mmCIF file of all heavy atoms, coordinates in Angstrom:
data_MODEL
# 
_entry.id   MODEL 
# 
loop_
_atom_site.group_PDB 
_atom_site.id 
_atom_site.type_symbol 
_atom_site.label_atom_id 
_atom_site.label_alt_id 
_atom_site.label_comp_id 
_atom_site.label_asym_id 
_atom_site.label_entity_id 
_atom_site.label_seq_id 
_atom_site.pdbx_PDB_ins_code 
_atom_site.Cartn_x 
_atom_site.Cartn_y 
_atom_site.Cartn_z 
_atom_site.occupancy 
_atom_site.B_iso_or_equiv 
_atom_site.pdbx_formal_charge 
_atom_site.auth_seq_id 
_atom_site.auth_comp_id 
_atom_site.auth_asym_id 
_atom_site.auth_atom_id 
_atom_site.pdbx_PDB_model_num 
ATOM 1   N N   . ARG A 1 1  ? 11.120 -41.158 -45.105 1.00 0.00 ? 1  ARG A N   1 
ATOM 2   C CA  . ARG A 1 1  ? 10.962 -41.753 -43.670 1.00 0.00 ? 1  ARG A CA  1 
ATOM 3   C C   . ARG A 1 1  ? 11.967 -41.109 -42.728 1.00 0.00 ? 1  ARG A C   1 
ATOM 4   O O   . ARG A 1 1  ? 11.630 -40.861 -41.526 1.00 0.00 ? 1  ARG A O   1 
ATOM 5   C CB  . ARG A 1 1  ? 11.098 -43.294 -43.703 1.00 0.00 ? 1  ARG A CB  1 
ATOM 6   C CG  . ARG A 1 1  ? 9.949  -44.046 -44.304 1.00 0.00 ? 1  ARG A CG  1 
ATOM 7   C CD  . ARG A 1 1  ? 10.119 -45.476 -44.223 1.00 0.00 ? 1  ARG A CD  1 
ATOM 8   N NE  . ARG A 1 1  ? 9.074  -46.148 -44.914 1.00 0.00 ? 1  ARG A NE  1 
ATOM 9   C CZ  . ARG A 1 1  ? 8.561  -47.241 -44.455 1.00 0.00 ? 1  ARG A CZ  1 
ATOM 10  N NH1 . ARG A 1 1  ? 8.793  -47.777 -43.315 1.00 0.00 ? 1  ARG A NH1 1 
ATOM 11  N NH2 . ARG A 1 1  ? 7.489  -47.800 -45.143 1.00 0.00 ? 1  ARG A NH2 1 
ATOM 12  N N   . ARG A 1 2  ? 13.074 -40.948 -43.163 1.00 0.00 ? 2  ARG A N   1 
ATOM 13  C CA  . ARG A 1 2  ? 14.164 -40.306 -42.367 1.00 0.00 ? 2  ARG A CA  1 
ATOM 14  C C   . ARG A 1 2  ? 13.811 -38.953 -41.955 1.00 0.00 ? 2  ARG A C   1 
ATOM 15  O O   . ARG A 1 2  ? 13.933 -38.614 -40.729 1.00 0.00 ? 2  ARG A O   1 
ATOM 16  C CB  . ARG A 1 2  ? 15.496 -40.380 -43.102 1.00 0.00 ? 2  ARG A CB  1 
ATOM 17  C CG  . ARG A 1 2  ? 16.709 -39.771 -42.351 1.00 0.00 ? 2  ARG A CG  1 
ATOM 18  C CD  . ARG A 1 2  ? 18.076 -39.927 -43.129 1.00 0.00 ? 2  ARG A CD  1 
ATOM 19  N NE  . ARG A 1 2  ? 19.135 -39.572 -42.244 1.00 0.00 ? 2  ARG A NE  1 
ATOM 20  C CZ  . ARG A 1 2  ? 19.630 -38.362 -42.129 1.00 0.00 ? 2  ARG A CZ  1 
ATOM 21  N NH1 . ARG A 1 2  ? 19.165 -37.269 -42.725 1.00 0.00 ? 2  ARG A NH1 1 
ATOM 22  N NH2 . ARG A 1 2  ? 20.704 -38.162 -41.443 1.00 0.00 ? 2  ARG A NH2 1 
ATOM 23  N N   . SER A 1 3  ? 13.318 -38.171 -42.821 1.00 0.00 ? 3  SER A N   1 
ATOM 24  C CA  . SER A 1 3  ? 12.825 -36.799 -42.466 1.00 0.00 ? 3  SER A CA  1 
ATOM 25  C C   . SER A 1 3  ? 11.720 -36.828 -41.511 1.00 0.00 ? 3  SER A C   1 
ATOM 26  O O   . SER A 1 3  ? 11.636 -36.027 -40.617 1.00 0.00 ? 3  SER A O   1 
ATOM 27  C CB  . SER A 1 3  ? 12.461 -36.082 -43.773 1.00 0.00 ? 3  SER A CB  1 
ATOM 28  O OG  . SER A 1 3  ? 13.611 -35.691 -44.549 1.00 0.00 ? 3  SER A OG  1 
ATOM 29  N N   . TRP A 1 4  ? 10.699 -37.696 -41.775 1.00 0.00 ? 4  TRP A N   1 
ATOM 30  C CA  . TRP A 1 4  ? 9.658  -37.851 -40.837 1.00 0.00 ? 4  TRP A CA  1 
ATOM 31  C C   . TRP A 1 4  ? 10.125 -38.204 -39.416 1.00 0.00 ? 4  TRP A C   1 
ATOM 32  O O   . TRP A 1 4  ? 9.734  -37.559 -38.421 1.00 0.00 ? 4  TRP A O   1 
ATOM 33  C CB  . TRP A 1 4  ? 8.637  -38.956 -41.207 1.00 0.00 ? 4  TRP A CB  1 
ATOM 34  C CG  . TRP A 1 4  ? 7.545  -38.595 -42.160 1.00 0.00 ? 4  TRP A CG  1 
ATOM 35  C CD1 . TRP A 1 4  ? 7.475  -38.913 -43.538 1.00 0.00 ? 4  TRP A CD1 1 
ATOM 36  C CD2 . TRP A 1 4  ? 6.444  -37.746 -41.914 1.00 0.00 ? 4  TRP A CD2 1 
ATOM 37  N NE1 . TRP A 1 4  ? 6.443  -38.409 -44.004 1.00 0.00 ? 4  TRP A NE1 1 
ATOM 38  C CE2 . TRP A 1 4  ? 5.637  -37.633 -43.146 1.00 0.00 ? 4  TRP A CE2 1 
ATOM 39  C CE3 . TRP A 1 4  ? 6.046  -37.095 -40.809 1.00 0.00 ? 4  TRP A CE3 1 
ATOM 40  C CZ2 . TRP A 1 4  ? 4.563  -36.912 -43.182 1.00 0.00 ? 4  TRP A CZ2 1 
ATOM 41  C CZ3 . TRP A 1 4  ? 4.882  -36.384 -40.851 1.00 0.00 ? 4  TRP A CZ3 1 
ATOM 42  C CH2 . TRP A 1 4  ? 4.082  -36.202 -42.052 1.00 0.00 ? 4  TRP A CH2 1 
ATOM 43  N N   . LEU A 1 5  ? 11.107 -39.192 -39.234 1.00 0.00 ? 5  LEU A N   1 
ATOM 44  C CA  . LEU A 1 5  ? 11.700 -39.517 -37.977 1.00 0.00 ? 5  LEU A CA  1 
ATOM 45  C C   . LEU A 1 5  ? 12.266 -38.307 -37.307 1.00 0.00 ? 5  LEU A C   1 
ATOM 46  O O   . LEU A 1 5  ? 12.022 -37.933 -36.182 1.00 0.00 ? 5  LEU A O   1 
ATOM 47  C CB  . LEU A 1 5  ? 12.680 -40.629 -38.211 1.00 0.00 ? 5  LEU A CB  1 
ATOM 48  C CG  . LEU A 1 5  ? 13.540 -40.939 -36.917 1.00 0.00 ? 5  LEU A CG  1 
ATOM 49  C CD1 . LEU A 1 5  ? 12.553 -41.544 -35.850 1.00 0.00 ? 5  LEU A CD1 1 
ATOM 50  C CD2 . LEU A 1 5  ? 14.701 -41.893 -37.268 1.00 0.00 ? 5  LEU A CD2 1 
ATOM 51  N N   . PHE A 1 6  ? 13.101 -37.525 -38.010 1.00 0.00 ? 6  PHE A N   1 
ATOM 52  C CA  . PHE A 1 6  ? 13.830 -36.417 -37.333 1.00 0.00 ? 6  PHE A CA  1 
ATOM 53  C C   . PHE A 1 6  ? 12.915 -35.254 -37.159 1.00 0.00 ? 6  PHE A C   1 
ATOM 54  O O   . PHE A 1 6  ? 13.141 -34.505 -36.108 1.00 0.00 ? 6  PHE A O   1 
ATOM 55  C CB  . PHE A 1 6  ? 15.019 -36.079 -38.198 1.00 0.00 ? 6  PHE A CB  1 
ATOM 56  C CG  . PHE A 1 6  ? 16.186 -37.084 -37.960 1.00 0.00 ? 6  PHE A CG  1 
ATOM 57  C CD1 . PHE A 1 6  ? 16.434 -38.193 -38.765 1.00 0.00 ? 6  PHE A CD1 1 
ATOM 58  C CD2 . PHE A 1 6  ? 17.016 -36.873 -36.770 1.00 0.00 ? 6  PHE A CD2 1 
ATOM 59  C CE1 . PHE A 1 6  ? 17.491 -38.996 -38.609 1.00 0.00 ? 6  PHE A CE1 1 
ATOM 60  C CE2 . PHE A 1 6  ? 17.963 -37.811 -36.546 1.00 0.00 ? 6  PHE A CE2 1 
ATOM 61  C CZ  . PHE A 1 6  ? 18.230 -38.894 -37.490 1.00 0.00 ? 6  PHE A CZ  1 
ATOM 62  N N   . LEU A 1 7  ? 11.859 -35.062 -37.976 1.00 0.00 ? 7  LEU A N   1 
ATOM 63  C CA  . LEU A 1 7  ? 10.942 -34.010 -37.720 1.00 0.00 ? 7  LEU A CA  1 
ATOM 64  C C   . LEU A 1 7  ? 10.098 -34.346 -36.508 1.00 0.00 ? 7  LEU A C   1 
ATOM 65  O O   . LEU A 1 7  ? 9.764  -33.422 -35.637 1.00 0.00 ? 7  LEU A O   1 
ATOM 66  C CB  . LEU A 1 7  ? 9.975  -33.772 -38.944 1.00 0.00 ? 7  LEU A CB  1 
ATOM 67  C CG  . LEU A 1 7  ? 10.711 -33.110 -40.147 1.00 0.00 ? 7  LEU A CG  1 
ATOM 68  C CD1 . LEU A 1 7  ? 9.864  -33.085 -41.377 1.00 0.00 ? 7  LEU A CD1 1 
ATOM 69  C CD2 . LEU A 1 7  ? 11.161 -31.652 -39.815 1.00 0.00 ? 7  LEU A CD2 1 
ATOM 70  N N   . ILE A 1 8  ? 9.725  -35.635 -36.334 1.00 0.00 ? 8  ILE A N   1 
ATOM 71  C CA  . ILE A 1 8  ? 8.955  -36.010 -35.138 1.00 0.00 ? 8  ILE A CA  1 
ATOM 72  C C   . ILE A 1 8  ? 9.792  -35.885 -33.930 1.00 0.00 ? 8  ILE A C   1 
ATOM 73  O O   . ILE A 1 8  ? 9.344  -35.283 -32.897 1.00 0.00 ? 8  ILE A O   1 
ATOM 74  C CB  . ILE A 1 8  ? 8.457  -37.485 -35.315 1.00 0.00 ? 8  ILE A CB  1 
ATOM 75  C CG1 . ILE A 1 8  ? 7.315  -37.427 -36.434 1.00 0.00 ? 8  ILE A CG1 1 
ATOM 76  C CG2 . ILE A 1 8  ? 8.012  -38.053 -33.995 1.00 0.00 ? 8  ILE A CG2 1 
ATOM 77  C CD1 . ILE A 1 8  ? 6.979  -38.890 -36.833 1.00 0.00 ? 8  ILE A CD1 1 
ATOM 78  N N   . LEU A 1 9  ? 11.095 -36.316 -33.961 1.00 0.00 ? 9  LEU A N   1 
ATOM 79  C CA  . LEU A 1 9  ? 12.024 -36.105 -32.795 1.00 0.00 ? 9  LEU A CA  1 
ATOM 80  C C   . LEU A 1 9  ? 12.175 -34.602 -32.468 1.00 0.00 ? 9  LEU A C   1 
ATOM 81  O O   . LEU A 1 9  ? 12.254 -34.332 -31.333 1.00 0.00 ? 9  LEU A O   1 
ATOM 82  C CB  . LEU A 1 9  ? 13.356 -36.820 -33.148 1.00 0.00 ? 9  LEU A CB  1 
ATOM 83  C CG  . LEU A 1 9  ? 13.324 -38.334 -33.180 1.00 0.00 ? 9  LEU A CG  1 
ATOM 84  C CD1 . LEU A 1 9  ? 14.670 -38.831 -33.694 1.00 0.00 ? 9  LEU A CD1 1 
ATOM 85  C CD2 . LEU A 1 9  ? 12.914 -38.921 -31.857 1.00 0.00 ? 9  LEU A CD2 1 
ATOM 86  N N   . SER A 1 10 ? 12.326 -33.853 -33.629 1.00 0.00 ? 10 SER A N   1 
ATOM 87  C CA  . SER A 1 10 ? 12.455 -32.368 -33.311 1.00 0.00 ? 10 SER A CA  1 
ATOM 88  C C   . SER A 1 10 ? 11.252 -31.854 -32.699 1.00 0.00 ? 10 SER A C   1 
ATOM 89  O O   . SER A 1 10 ? 11.320 -30.968 -31.793 1.00 0.00 ? 10 SER A O   1 
ATOM 90  C CB  . SER A 1 10 ? 12.704 -31.663 -34.549 1.00 0.00 ? 10 SER A CB  1 
ATOM 91  O OG  . SER A 1 10 ? 12.732 -30.269 -34.512 1.00 0.00 ? 10 SER A OG  1 
ATOM 92  N N   . GLY A 1 11 ? 10.060 -32.379 -33.050 1.00 0.00 ? 11 GLY A N   1 
ATOM 93  C CA  . GLY A 1 11 ? 8.760  -31.880 -32.352 1.00 0.00 ? 11 GLY A CA  1 
ATOM 94  C C   . GLY A 1 11 ? 8.780  -32.233 -30.967 1.00 0.00 ? 11 GLY A C   1 
ATOM 95  O O   . GLY A 1 11 ? 8.254  -31.534 -30.141 1.00 0.00 ? 11 GLY A O   1 
ATOM 96  N N   . LEU A 1 12 ? 9.195  -33.433 -30.670 1.00 0.00 ? 12 LEU A N   1 
ATOM 97  C CA  . LEU A 1 12 ? 9.265  -33.943 -29.251 1.00 0.00 ? 12 LEU A CA  1 
ATOM 98  C C   . LEU A 1 12 ? 10.212 -33.062 -28.467 1.00 0.00 ? 12 LEU A C   1 
ATOM 99  O O   . LEU A 1 12 ? 9.815  -32.658 -27.318 1.00 0.00 ? 12 LEU A O   1 
ATOM 100 C CB  . LEU A 1 12 ? 9.616  -35.427 -29.139 1.00 0.00 ? 12 LEU A CB  1 
ATOM 101 C CG  . LEU A 1 12 ? 8.571  -36.364 -29.703 1.00 0.00 ? 12 LEU A CG  1 
ATOM 102 C CD1 . LEU A 1 12 ? 9.104  -37.790 -29.784 1.00 0.00 ? 12 LEU A CD1 1 
ATOM 103 C CD2 . LEU A 1 12 ? 7.308  -36.362 -28.850 1.00 0.00 ? 12 LEU A CD2 1 
ATOM 104 N N   . ALA A 1 13 ? 11.341 -32.795 -29.030 1.00 0.00 ? 13 ALA A N   1 
ATOM 105 C CA  . ALA A 1 13 ? 12.254 -31.937 -28.284 1.00 0.00 ? 13 ALA A CA  1 
ATOM 106 C C   . ALA A 1 13 ? 11.718 -30.467 -28.163 1.00 0.00 ? 13 ALA A C   1 
ATOM 107 O O   . ALA A 1 13 ? 11.921 -29.893 -27.057 1.00 0.00 ? 13 ALA A O   1 
ATOM 108 C CB  . ALA A 1 13 ? 13.563 -31.800 -29.177 1.00 0.00 ? 13 ALA A CB  1 
ATOM 109 N N   . THR A 1 14 ? 11.017 -30.010 -29.130 1.00 0.00 ? 14 THR A N   1 
ATOM 110 C CA  . THR A 1 14 ? 10.334 -28.703 -29.015 1.00 0.00 ? 14 THR A CA  1 
ATOM 111 C C   . THR A 1 14 ? 9.319  -28.699 -27.797 1.00 0.00 ? 14 THR A C   1 
ATOM 112 O O   . THR A 1 14 ? 9.346  -27.800 -27.055 1.00 0.00 ? 14 THR A O   1 
ATOM 113 C CB  . THR A 1 14 ? 9.703  -28.261 -30.333 1.00 0.00 ? 14 THR A CB  1 
ATOM 114 O OG1 . THR A 1 14 ? 10.720 -28.168 -31.321 1.00 0.00 ? 14 THR A OG1 1 
ATOM 115 C CG2 . THR A 1 14 ? 8.929  -26.986 -30.149 1.00 0.00 ? 14 THR A CG2 1 
ATOM 116 N N   . GLY A 1 15 ? 8.507  -29.693 -27.803 1.00 0.00 ? 15 GLY A N   1 
ATOM 117 C CA  . GLY A 1 15 ? 7.417  -29.840 -26.875 1.00 0.00 ? 15 GLY A CA  1 
ATOM 118 C C   . GLY A 1 15 ? 8.124  -29.850 -25.437 1.00 0.00 ? 15 GLY A C   1 
ATOM 119 O O   . GLY A 1 15 ? 7.644  -29.192 -24.481 1.00 0.00 ? 15 GLY A O   1 
ATOM 120 N N   . ALA A 1 16 ? 9.197  -30.651 -25.288 1.00 0.00 ? 16 ALA A N   1 
ATOM 121 C CA  . ALA A 1 16 ? 9.859  -30.740 -24.010 1.00 0.00 ? 16 ALA A CA  1 
ATOM 122 C C   . ALA A 1 16 ? 10.436 -29.377 -23.607 1.00 0.00 ? 16 ALA A C   1 
ATOM 123 O O   . ALA A 1 16 ? 10.410 -28.936 -22.482 1.00 0.00 ? 16 ALA A O   1 
ATOM 124 C CB  . ALA A 1 16 ? 10.945 -31.897 -24.107 1.00 0.00 ? 16 ALA A CB  1 
ATOM 125 N N   . SER A 1 17 ? 11.088 -28.732 -24.551 1.00 0.00 ? 17 SER A N   1 
ATOM 126 C CA  . SER A 1 17 ? 11.603 -27.448 -24.356 1.00 0.00 ? 17 SER A CA  1 
ATOM 127 C C   . SER A 1 17 ? 10.519 -26.386 -23.878 1.00 0.00 ? 17 SER A C   1 
ATOM 128 O O   . SER A 1 17 ? 10.842 -25.637 -22.910 1.00 0.00 ? 17 SER A O   1 
ATOM 129 C CB  . SER A 1 17 ? 12.323 -26.835 -25.599 1.00 0.00 ? 17 SER A CB  1 
ATOM 130 O OG  . SER A 1 17 ? 12.657 -25.613 -25.530 1.00 0.00 ? 17 SER A OG  1 
ATOM 131 N N   . TRP A 1 18 ? 9.493  -26.434 -24.470 1.00 0.00 ? 18 TRP A N   1 
ATOM 132 C CA  . TRP A 1 18 ? 8.461  -25.490 -24.193 1.00 0.00 ? 18 TRP A CA  1 
ATOM 133 C C   . TRP A 1 18 ? 7.780  -25.818 -22.776 1.00 0.00 ? 18 TRP A C   1 
ATOM 134 O O   . TRP A 1 18 ? 7.527  -24.889 -22.020 1.00 0.00 ? 18 TRP A O   1 
ATOM 135 C CB  . TRP A 1 18 ? 7.328  -25.558 -25.184 1.00 0.00 ? 18 TRP A CB  1 
ATOM 136 C CG  . TRP A 1 18 ? 7.579  -24.948 -26.516 1.00 0.00 ? 18 TRP A CG  1 
ATOM 137 C CD1 . TRP A 1 18 ? 8.707  -24.224 -26.891 1.00 0.00 ? 18 TRP A CD1 1 
ATOM 138 C CD2 . TRP A 1 18 ? 6.705  -24.757 -27.629 1.00 0.00 ? 18 TRP A CD2 1 
ATOM 139 N NE1 . TRP A 1 18 ? 8.640  -23.795 -28.240 1.00 0.00 ? 18 TRP A NE1 1 
ATOM 140 C CE2 . TRP A 1 18 ? 7.394  -24.102 -28.690 1.00 0.00 ? 18 TRP A CE2 1 
ATOM 141 C CE3 . TRP A 1 18 ? 5.430  -25.185 -27.962 1.00 0.00 ? 18 TRP A CE3 1 
ATOM 142 C CZ2 . TRP A 1 18 ? 6.828  -23.870 -29.888 1.00 0.00 ? 18 TRP A CZ2 1 
ATOM 143 C CZ3 . TRP A 1 18 ? 4.846  -24.997 -29.141 1.00 0.00 ? 18 TRP A CZ3 1 
ATOM 144 C CH2 . TRP A 1 18 ? 5.521  -24.303 -30.121 1.00 0.00 ? 18 TRP A CH2 1 
ATOM 145 N N   . LEU A 1 19 ? 7.644  -27.046 -22.519 1.00 0.00 ? 19 LEU A N   1 
ATOM 146 C CA  . LEU A 1 19 ? 7.084  -27.446 -21.155 1.00 0.00 ? 19 LEU A CA  1 
ATOM 147 C C   . LEU A 1 19 ? 8.074  -26.924 -20.031 1.00 0.00 ? 19 LEU A C   1 
ATOM 148 O O   . LEU A 1 19 ? 7.687  -26.364 -19.025 1.00 0.00 ? 19 LEU A O   1 
ATOM 149 C CB  . LEU A 1 19 ? 6.814  -28.927 -21.068 1.00 0.00 ? 19 LEU A CB  1 
ATOM 150 C CG  . LEU A 1 19 ? 5.729  -29.472 -21.841 1.00 0.00 ? 19 LEU A CG  1 
ATOM 151 C CD1 . LEU A 1 19 ? 5.749  -31.013 -22.026 1.00 0.00 ? 19 LEU A CD1 1 
ATOM 152 C CD2 . LEU A 1 19 ? 4.347  -29.055 -21.317 1.00 0.00 ? 19 LEU A CD2 1 
ATOM 153 N N   . PHE A 1 20 ? 9.351  -27.314 -20.196 1.00 0.00 ? 20 PHE A N   1 
ATOM 154 C CA  . PHE A 1 20 ? 10.336 -26.845 -19.226 1.00 0.00 ? 20 PHE A CA  1 
ATOM 155 C C   . PHE A 1 20 ? 10.482 -25.381 -19.121 1.00 0.00 ? 20 PHE A C   1 
ATOM 156 O O   . PHE A 1 20 ? 10.591 -24.702 -18.078 1.00 0.00 ? 20 PHE A O   1 
ATOM 157 C CB  . PHE A 1 20 ? 11.666 -27.519 -19.494 1.00 0.00 ? 20 PHE A CB  1 
ATOM 158 C CG  . PHE A 1 20 ? 11.729 -28.913 -19.178 1.00 0.00 ? 20 PHE A CG  1 
ATOM 159 C CD1 . PHE A 1 20 ? 12.094 -29.863 -20.161 1.00 0.00 ? 20 PHE A CD1 1 
ATOM 160 C CD2 . PHE A 1 20 ? 11.362 -29.428 -17.938 1.00 0.00 ? 20 PHE A CD2 1 
ATOM 161 C CE1 . PHE A 1 20 ? 12.117 -31.197 -19.953 1.00 0.00 ? 20 PHE A CE1 1 
ATOM 162 C CE2 . PHE A 1 20 ? 11.421 -30.831 -17.722 1.00 0.00 ? 20 PHE A CE2 1 
ATOM 163 C CZ  . PHE A 1 20 ? 11.825 -31.658 -18.664 1.00 0.00 ? 20 PHE A CZ  1 
ATOM 164 N N   . TYR A 1 21 ? 10.427 -24.715 -20.393 1.00 0.00 ? 21 TYR A N   1 
ATOM 165 C CA  . TYR A 1 21 ? 10.595 -23.256 -20.400 1.00 0.00 ? 21 TYR A CA  1 
ATOM 166 C C   . TYR A 1 21 ? 9.401  -22.554 -19.718 1.00 0.00 ? 21 TYR A C   1 
ATOM 167 O O   . TYR A 1 21 ? 9.607  -21.641 -18.863 1.00 0.00 ? 21 TYR A O   1 
ATOM 168 C CB  . TYR A 1 21 ? 10.626 -22.808 -21.938 1.00 0.00 ? 21 TYR A CB  1 
ATOM 169 C CG  . TYR A 1 21 ? 10.643 -21.345 -22.044 1.00 0.00 ? 21 TYR A CG  1 
ATOM 170 C CD1 . TYR A 1 21 ? 11.817 -20.681 -21.805 1.00 0.00 ? 21 TYR A CD1 1 
ATOM 171 C CD2 . TYR A 1 21 ? 9.532  -20.640 -22.496 1.00 0.00 ? 21 TYR A CD2 1 
ATOM 172 C CE1 . TYR A 1 21 ? 11.945 -19.214 -22.050 1.00 0.00 ? 21 TYR A CE1 1 
ATOM 173 C CE2 . TYR A 1 21 ? 9.628  -19.178 -22.682 1.00 0.00 ? 21 TYR A CE2 1 
ATOM 174 C CZ  . TYR A 1 21 ? 10.778 -18.550 -22.358 1.00 0.00 ? 21 TYR A CZ  1 
ATOM 175 O OH  . TYR A 1 21 ? 10.928 -17.106 -22.502 1.00 0.00 ? 21 TYR A OH  1 
ATOM 176 N N   . PHE A 1 22 ? 8.187  -22.937 -19.857 1.00 0.00 ? 22 PHE A N   1 
ATOM 177 C CA  . PHE A 1 22 ? 7.032  -22.383 -19.243 1.00 0.00 ? 22 PHE A CA  1 
ATOM 178 C C   . PHE A 1 22 ? 7.088  -22.658 -17.712 1.00 0.00 ? 22 PHE A C   1 
ATOM 179 O O   . PHE A 1 22 ? 6.742  -21.732 -16.938 1.00 0.00 ? 22 PHE A O   1 
ATOM 180 C CB  . PHE A 1 22 ? 5.757  -22.919 -19.846 1.00 0.00 ? 22 PHE A CB  1 
ATOM 181 C CG  . PHE A 1 22 ? 5.184  -21.942 -20.967 1.00 0.00 ? 22 PHE A CG  1 
ATOM 182 C CD1 . PHE A 1 22 ? 6.098  -21.460 -21.944 1.00 0.00 ? 22 PHE A CD1 1 
ATOM 183 C CD2 . PHE A 1 22 ? 3.809  -21.624 -20.885 1.00 0.00 ? 22 PHE A CD2 1 
ATOM 184 C CE1 . PHE A 1 22 ? 5.502  -20.636 -22.975 1.00 0.00 ? 22 PHE A CE1 1 
ATOM 185 C CE2 . PHE A 1 22 ? 3.436  -20.781 -21.876 1.00 0.00 ? 22 PHE A CE2 1 
ATOM 186 C CZ  . PHE A 1 22 ? 4.120  -20.239 -22.977 1.00 0.00 ? 22 PHE A CZ  1 
ATOM 187 N N   . GLN A 1 23 ? 7.541  -23.810 -17.244 1.00 0.00 ? 23 GLN A N   1 
ATOM 188 C CA  . GLN A 1 23 ? 7.693  -24.114 -15.929 1.00 0.00 ? 23 GLN A CA  1 
ATOM 189 C C   . GLN A 1 23 ? 8.651  -23.179 -15.276 1.00 0.00 ? 23 GLN A C   1 
ATOM 190 O O   . GLN A 1 23 ? 8.530  -22.576 -14.228 1.00 0.00 ? 23 GLN A O   1 
ATOM 191 C CB  . GLN A 1 23 ? 8.008  -25.579 -15.669 1.00 0.00 ? 23 GLN A CB  1 
ATOM 192 C CG  . GLN A 1 23 ? 8.075  -25.914 -14.242 1.00 0.00 ? 23 GLN A CG  1 
ATOM 193 C CD  . GLN A 1 23 ? 6.806  -25.996 -13.480 1.00 0.00 ? 23 GLN A CD  1 
ATOM 194 O OE1 . GLN A 1 23 ? 5.676  -26.357 -14.056 1.00 0.00 ? 23 GLN A OE1 1 
ATOM 195 N NE2 . GLN A 1 23 ? 6.567  -25.359 -12.437 1.00 0.00 ? 23 GLN A NE2 1 
ATOM 196 N N   . ALA A 1 24 ? 9.843  -23.055 -15.846 1.00 0.00 ? 24 ALA A N   1 
ATOM 197 C CA  . ALA A 1 24 ? 10.920 -22.052 -15.421 1.00 0.00 ? 24 ALA A CA  1 
ATOM 198 C C   . ALA A 1 24 ? 10.364 -20.638 -15.424 1.00 0.00 ? 24 ALA A C   1 
ATOM 199 O O   . ALA A 1 24 ? 10.634 -19.971 -14.370 1.00 0.00 ? 24 ALA A O   1 
ATOM 200 C CB  . ALA A 1 24 ? 12.135 -22.237 -16.301 1.00 0.00 ? 24 ALA A CB  1 
ATOM 201 N N   . LEU A 1 25 ? 9.687  -20.223 -16.433 1.00 0.00 ? 25 LEU A N   1 
ATOM 202 C CA  . LEU A 1 25 ? 9.160  -18.917 -16.523 1.00 0.00 ? 25 LEU A CA  1 
ATOM 203 C C   . LEU A 1 25 ? 8.199  -18.629 -15.437 1.00 0.00 ? 25 LEU A C   1 
ATOM 204 O O   . LEU A 1 25 ? 8.213  -17.553 -14.862 1.00 0.00 ? 25 LEU A O   1 
ATOM 205 C CB  . LEU A 1 25 ? 8.569  -18.610 -17.978 1.00 0.00 ? 25 LEU A CB  1 
ATOM 206 C CG  . LEU A 1 25 ? 8.444  -17.260 -18.362 1.00 0.00 ? 25 LEU A CG  1 
ATOM 207 C CD1 . LEU A 1 25 ? 9.806  -16.531 -18.340 1.00 0.00 ? 25 LEU A CD1 1 
ATOM 208 C CD2 . LEU A 1 25 ? 7.881  -17.188 -19.829 1.00 0.00 ? 25 LEU A CD2 1 
ATOM 209 N N   . GLN A 1 26 ? 7.362  -19.609 -15.136 1.00 0.00 ? 26 GLN A N   1 
ATOM 210 C CA  . GLN A 1 26 ? 6.328  -19.476 -14.112 1.00 0.00 ? 26 GLN A CA  1 
ATOM 211 C C   . GLN A 1 26 ? 6.978  -19.300 -12.770 1.00 0.00 ? 26 GLN A C   1 
ATOM 212 O O   . GLN A 1 26 ? 6.570  -18.535 -11.901 1.00 0.00 ? 26 GLN A O   1 
ATOM 213 C CB  . GLN A 1 26 ? 5.406  -20.575 -14.127 1.00 0.00 ? 26 GLN A CB  1 
ATOM 214 C CG  . GLN A 1 26 ? 4.170  -20.380 -13.179 1.00 0.00 ? 26 GLN A CG  1 
ATOM 215 C CD  . GLN A 1 26 ? 3.080  -21.380 -13.518 1.00 0.00 ? 26 GLN A CD  1 
ATOM 216 O OE1 . GLN A 1 26 ? 3.418  -22.623 -13.422 1.00 0.00 ? 26 GLN A OE1 1 
ATOM 217 N NE2 . GLN A 1 26 ? 1.938  -21.020 -13.690 1.00 0.00 ? 26 GLN A NE2 1 
# 
């Protein structure tokens, strides 16, 4: 469960990073 939690949180952080990165790149 702990790994699931942190992998999900990591995925959310990745998603946010990509969204901001693409906006900045544009």
